[in-house]
Protein backbone atom coordinates (compact mmCIF):
# COMPACT_ATOMS: atom_id res chain seq x y z
CA UNK A 1 0.01 0.00 0.00
CA UNK A 2 1.25 3.47 -0.88
CA UNK A 3 0.37 6.33 1.49
CA UNK A 4 1.46 9.97 1.65
CA UNK A 5 0.32 13.48 2.37
CA UNK A 6 -2.04 15.07 4.90
CA UNK A 7 -4.34 12.08 4.72
CA UNK A 8 -3.42 8.50 3.91
CA UNK A 9 -4.17 8.78 0.20
CA UNK A 10 -4.39 5.13 -0.65
CA UNK A 11 -6.54 2.77 -2.73
CA UNK A 12 -9.94 1.87 -1.35
CA UNK A 13 -11.35 -0.97 -3.34
CA UNK A 14 -14.99 -0.76 -4.33
CA UNK A 15 -15.41 2.83 -3.09
CA UNK A 16 -13.27 4.29 -5.88
CA UNK A 17 -9.60 5.09 -6.08
CA UNK A 18 -8.57 8.17 -4.12
CA UNK A 19 -4.89 7.59 -4.72
CA UNK A 20 -5.42 8.06 -8.41
CA UNK A 21 -7.48 11.18 -7.61
CA UNK A 22 -4.79 12.89 -5.51
CA UNK A 23 -2.14 11.92 -8.07
CA UNK A 24 -4.27 13.50 -10.78
CA UNK A 25 -4.61 16.65 -8.65
CA UNK A 26 -0.83 16.87 -8.34
CA UNK A 27 -0.47 16.34 -12.09
CA UNK A 28 -2.90 19.20 -12.77
CA UNK A 29 -0.97 21.40 -10.31
CA UNK A 30 2.19 20.76 -12.26
CA UNK A 31 0.48 21.43 -15.60
CA UNK A 32 -1.16 24.68 -14.46
CA UNK A 33 1.81 26.09 -12.49
CA UNK A 34 4.78 24.66 -14.35
CA UNK A 35 6.25 23.66 -10.99
CA UNK A 36 7.52 20.14 -10.32
CA UNK A 37 7.35 20.45 -6.56
CA UNK A 38 4.63 22.34 -4.75
CA UNK A 39 5.57 24.10 -1.53
CA UNK A 40 4.30 22.70 1.74
CA UNK A 41 1.65 25.46 1.87
CA UNK A 42 0.48 24.65 -1.68
CA UNK A 43 0.25 20.95 -0.80
CA UNK A 44 -1.80 21.71 2.30
CA UNK A 45 -4.21 23.93 0.33
CA UNK A 46 -4.93 21.61 -2.51
CA UNK A 47 -4.98 18.46 -0.43
CA UNK A 48 -7.53 20.18 1.86
CA UNK A 49 -9.59 21.16 -1.21
CA UNK A 50 -9.32 17.63 -2.60
CA UNK A 51 -10.35 16.15 0.75
CA UNK A 52 -13.48 18.27 0.96
CA UNK A 53 -14.40 17.31 -2.61
CA UNK A 54 -13.90 13.65 -1.73
CA UNK A 55 -15.97 13.88 1.49
CA UNK A 56 -18.86 15.41 -0.43
CA UNK A 57 -19.12 12.29 -2.60
CA UNK A 58 -22.07 10.06 -1.89
CA UNK A 59 -20.09 7.26 -0.23
CA UNK A 60 -18.49 9.65 2.31
CA UNK A 61 -21.30 12.22 2.70
CA UNK A 62 -22.24 11.08 6.22
CA UNK A 63 -18.72 11.82 7.52
CA UNK A 64 -18.77 15.30 6.04
CA UNK A 65 -22.31 16.14 7.13
CA UNK A 66 -21.82 14.92 10.71
CA UNK A 67 -18.42 16.63 11.11
CA UNK A 68 -19.66 19.52 13.29
CA UNK A 69 -22.41 17.75 15.24
CA UNK A 70 -20.49 14.65 16.30
CA UNK A 71 -17.99 14.34 19.19
CA UNK A 72 -14.39 14.85 18.05
CA UNK A 73 -13.18 11.39 18.88
CA UNK A 74 -16.05 9.74 16.92
CA UNK A 75 -15.40 11.94 13.89
CA UNK A 76 -11.69 11.03 14.04
CA UNK A 77 -12.49 7.32 14.35
CA UNK A 78 -15.11 7.35 11.56
CA UNK A 79 -12.83 9.39 9.25
CA UNK A 80 -9.96 6.99 9.80
CA UNK A 81 -12.05 3.81 9.59
CA UNK A 82 -14.34 4.77 6.69
CA UNK A 83 -12.19 7.16 4.66
CA UNK A 84 -8.43 6.67 5.30
CA UNK A 85 -8.84 2.89 5.67
CA UNK A 86 -5.30 2.19 7.00
CA UNK A 87 -3.63 -1.17 7.48
CA UNK A 88 -4.34 -2.53 10.97
CA UNK A 89 -7.51 -0.50 10.81
CA UNK A 90 -9.02 -1.20 14.28
CA UNK A 91 -5.89 -0.32 16.30
CA UNK A 92 -4.84 2.61 14.11
CA UNK A 93 -8.30 4.19 14.27
CA UNK A 94 -8.55 3.80 18.02
CA UNK A 95 -5.16 5.48 18.26
CA UNK A 96 -6.38 8.36 16.04
CA UNK A 97 -9.46 8.69 18.19
CA UNK A 98 -7.31 9.21 21.27
CA UNK A 99 -5.04 11.69 19.50
CA UNK A 100 -8.06 13.66 18.34
CA UNK A 101 -9.46 13.80 21.84
CA UNK A 102 -6.07 14.92 23.27
CA UNK A 103 -5.69 17.55 20.53
CA UNK A 104 -9.22 18.86 21.09
CA UNK A 105 -8.60 19.23 24.85
CA UNK A 106 -5.34 21.01 24.15
CA UNK A 107 -6.98 23.43 21.67
CA UNK A 108 -9.83 24.15 24.09
CA UNK A 109 -7.39 24.49 27.01
CA UNK A 110 -9.49 21.85 28.68
CA UNK A 111 -6.76 19.68 30.28
């Protein structure tokens, strides 16, 4: 499995192929800008845009629509489990859930 970027852009079987999608986005970036290597900021911007476009697709719509009305740790787990789809899914997604909860507490100064 090949993974890189802000999100684990990898293949996801019968749900489509997001790895091909992000690779196509990078190819278009190169064609439109003439740059071989986007800056870190450019990567963050177009990967965020690509992610939102992906999450608006029918198969991921629930994740996107529930983002603001669902507890942070559940959103993190669901995003990891249903979108990123990493190897060792159960343990990795539980780990992400805990990180999300810790990060949320830190950001809210709610130790």
